[in-house]
Amino acid sequence: MGYWIFSTVIPIAIIAGLLTIKRPSTIRQVSKALNATVLPLATYILLVYFLEIDRYINSGWALYTLIFFSIPYLVLVIILYVIAIWKNGI
């Protein structure tokens, strides 16, 4: 159960929370909002790593899942950013 909480529920809550705070309406704003979620997600991955190293939590493969799924997330953020720049002609 802890695996699902650490690897899916908390990262989705971080992304959803920041998107509801920013409330983006255009693709450029969505790209900026998703860029803003990269730092909290990276901080969360480091937190899970250190808590797992110190044996405060036992989440199994949650850390590796977070790292593995952060790569496609970063690719999508970069693609959205490029599309936003291309649409605005900047």
C-alpha atoms as a PDB file:
ATOM      1  CA  MET A   1       0.000   0.000   0.000  1.00  0.00           C
ATOM      2  CA  GLY A   2       2.845   2.379   0.830  1.00  0.00           C
ATOM      3  CA  TYR A   3       4.281   1.859  -2.644  1.00  0.00           C
ATOM      4  CA  TRP A   4       1.149   3.259  -4.319  1.00  0.00           C
ATOM      5  CA  ILE A   5       0.968   6.200  -1.952  1.00  0.00           C
ATOM      6  CA  PHE A   6       4.620   7.167  -2.395  1.00  0.00           C
ATOM      7  CA  SER A   7       4.845   6.541  -6.148  1.00  0.00           C
ATOM      8  CA  THR A   8       1.480   7.764  -7.500  1.00  0.00           C
ATOM      9  CA  VAL A   9      -0.835   9.474  -5.024  1.00  0.00           C
ATOM     10  CA  ILE A  10       1.563  12.062  -3.603  1.00  0.00           C
ATOM     11  CA  PRO A  11       3.131  13.119  -6.973  1.00  0.00           C
ATOM     12  CA  ILE A  12      -0.328  13.440  -8.562  1.00  0.00           C
ATOM     13  CA  ALA A  13      -1.455  15.484  -5.553  1.00  0.00           C
ATOM     14  CA  ILE A  14       1.576  17.773  -5.950  1.00  0.00           C
ATOM     15  CA  ILE A  15       0.873  18.324  -9.655  1.00  0.00           C
ATOM     16  CA  ALA A  16      -2.881  18.778  -9.134  1.00  0.00           C
ATOM     17  CA  GLY A  17      -2.344  21.134  -6.211  1.00  0.00           C
ATOM     18  CA  LEU A  18       0.016  23.400  -8.113  1.00  0.00           C
ATOM     19  CA  LEU A  19      -2.198  23.372 -11.208  1.00  0.00           C
ATOM     20  CA  THR A  20      -5.238  24.400  -9.149  1.00  0.00           C
ATOM     21  CA  ILE A  21      -3.241  27.201  -7.550  1.00  0.00           C
ATOM     22  CA  LYS A  22      -1.930  28.488 -10.909  1.00  0.00           C
ATOM     23  CA  ARG A  23      -5.201  27.869 -12.860  1.00  0.00           C
ATOM     24  CA  PRO A  24      -3.685  27.946 -16.366  1.00  0.00           C
ATOM     25  CA  SER A  25      -5.948  28.811 -19.298  1.00  0.00           C
ATOM     26  CA  THR A  26      -3.606  28.874 -22.296  1.00  0.00           C
ATOM     27  CA  ILE A  27      -1.020  26.345 -23.424  1.00  0.00           C
ATOM     28  CA  ARG A  28       1.767  28.745 -22.459  1.00  0.00           C
ATOM     29  CA  GLN A  29       0.385  29.054 -18.934  1.00  0.00           C
ATOM     30  CA  VAL A  30       0.015  25.262 -18.722  1.00  0.00           C
ATOM     31  CA  SER A  31       3.640  24.883 -19.768  1.00  0.00           C
ATOM     32  CA  LYS A  32       4.750  27.412 -17.133  1.00  0.00           C
ATOM     33  CA  ALA A  33       2.637  25.705 -14.461  1.00  0.00           C
ATOM     34  CA  LEU A  34       4.097  22.294 -15.316  1.00  0.00           C
ATOM     35  CA  ASN A  35       7.593  23.813 -15.230  1.00  0.00           C
ATOM     36  CA  ALA A  36       6.787  25.077 -11.739  1.00  0.00           C
ATOM     37  CA  THR A  37       5.980  21.532 -10.588  1.00  0.00           C
ATOM     38  CA  VAL A  38       9.399  20.152 -11.557  1.00  0.00           C
ATOM     39  CA  LEU A  39      11.183  21.564  -8.494  1.00  0.00           C
ATOM     40  CA  PRO A  40       8.652  20.265  -5.909  1.00  0.00           C
ATOM     41  CA  LEU A  41       8.661  16.843  -7.591  1.00  0.00           C
ATOM     42  CA  ALA A  42      12.468  16.724  -7.594  1.00  0.00           C
ATOM     43  CA  THR A  43      12.458  17.731  -3.926  1.00  0.00           C
ATOM     44  CA  TYR A  44       9.939  14.986  -3.178  1.00  0.00           C
ATOM     45  CA  ILE A  45      12.089  12.394  -4.990  1.00  0.00           C
ATOM     46  CA  LEU A  46      15.126  13.447  -2.924  1.00  0.00           C
ATOM     47  CA  LEU A  47      13.048  13.319   0.265  1.00  0.00           C
ATOM     48  CA  VAL A  48      11.866   9.780  -0.497  1.00  0.00           C
ATOM     49  CA  TYR A  49      15.449   8.805  -1.309  1.00  0.00           C
ATOM     50  CA  PHE A  50      16.865  10.068   1.979  1.00  0.00           C
ATOM     51  CA  LEU A  51      13.987   8.666   4.040  1.00  0.00           C
ATOM     52  CA  GLU A  52      14.514   5.299   2.384  1.00  0.00           C
ATOM     53  CA  ILE A  53      18.289   5.394   2.967  1.00  0.00           C
ATOM     54  CA  ASP A  54      17.761   6.192   6.667  1.00  0.00           C
ATOM     55  CA  ARG A  55      15.127   3.427   6.821  1.00  0.00           C
ATOM     56  CA  TYR A  56      12.328   5.718   8.023  1.00  0.00           C
ATOM     57  CA  ILE A  57      10.109   4.402   5.245  1.00  0.00           C
ATOM     58  CA  ASN A  58      10.094   1.122   3.387  1.00  0.00           C
ATOM     59  CA  SER A  59       8.559   1.858   0.011  1.00  0.00           C
ATOM     60  CA  GLY A  60      10.250  -0.817  -2.070  1.00  0.00           C
ATOM     61  CA  TRP A  61      10.561   0.306  -5.662  1.00  0.00           C
ATOM     62  CA  ALA A  62       8.761   3.652  -5.195  1.00  0.00           C
ATOM     63  CA  LEU A  63      11.951   5.683  -5.584  1.00  0.00           C
ATOM     64  CA  TYR A  64      12.892   3.971  -8.838  1.00  0.00           C
ATOM     65  CA  THR A  65       9.343   4.357 -10.130  1.00  0.00           C
ATOM     66  CA  LEU A  66       9.403   8.082  -9.346  1.00  0.00           C
ATOM     67  CA  ILE A  67      12.704   8.508 -11.169  1.00  0.00           C
ATOM     68  CA  PHE A  68      11.559   6.382 -14.112  1.00  0.00           C
ATOM     69  CA  PHE A  69       8.301   8.305 -14.579  1.00  0.00           C
ATOM     70  CA  SER A  70       9.890  11.716 -14.066  1.00  0.00           C
ATOM     71  CA  ILE A  71      11.827  11.319 -17.325  1.00  0.00           C
ATOM     72  CA  PRO A  72       8.705  11.186 -19.578  1.00  0.00           C
ATOM     73  CA  TYR A  73       7.169  13.970 -17.474  1.00  0.00           C
ATOM     74  CA  LEU A  74      10.160  16.198 -18.190  1.00  0.00           C
ATOM     75  CA  VAL A  75      10.000  15.320 -21.900  1.00  0.00           C
ATOM     76  CA  LEU A  76       6.302  16.281 -21.996  1.00  0.00           C
ATOM     77  CA  VAL A  77       7.017  19.560 -20.208  1.00  0.00           C
ATOM     78  CA  ILE A  78       9.745  20.403 -22.723  1.00  0.00           C
ATOM     79  CA  ILE A  79       7.495  19.505 -25.683  1.00  0.00           C
ATOM     80  CA  LEU A  80       4.670  21.673 -24.307  1.00  0.00           C
ATOM     81  CA  TYR A  81       7.095  24.536 -23.776  1.00  0.00           C
ATOM     82  CA  VAL A  82       8.372  24.280 -27.359  1.00  0.00           C
ATOM     83  CA  ILE A  83       4.800  24.146 -28.705  1.00  0.00           C
ATOM     84  CA  ALA A  84       3.866  27.200 -26.635  1.00  0.00           C
ATOM     85  CA  ILE A  85       6.838  29.141 -27.976  1.00  0.00           C
ATOM     86  CA  TRP A  86       6.099  28.003 -31.537  1.00  0.00           C
ATOM     87  CA  LYS A  87       2.413  29.022 -31.292  1.00  0.00           C
ATOM     88  CA  ASN A  88       3.240  32.476 -29.946  1.00  0.00           C
ATOM     89  CA  GLY A  89       5.995  33.037 -32.481  1.00  0.00           C
ATOM     90  CA  ILE A  90       8.551  34.036 -29.880  1.00  0.00           C
END
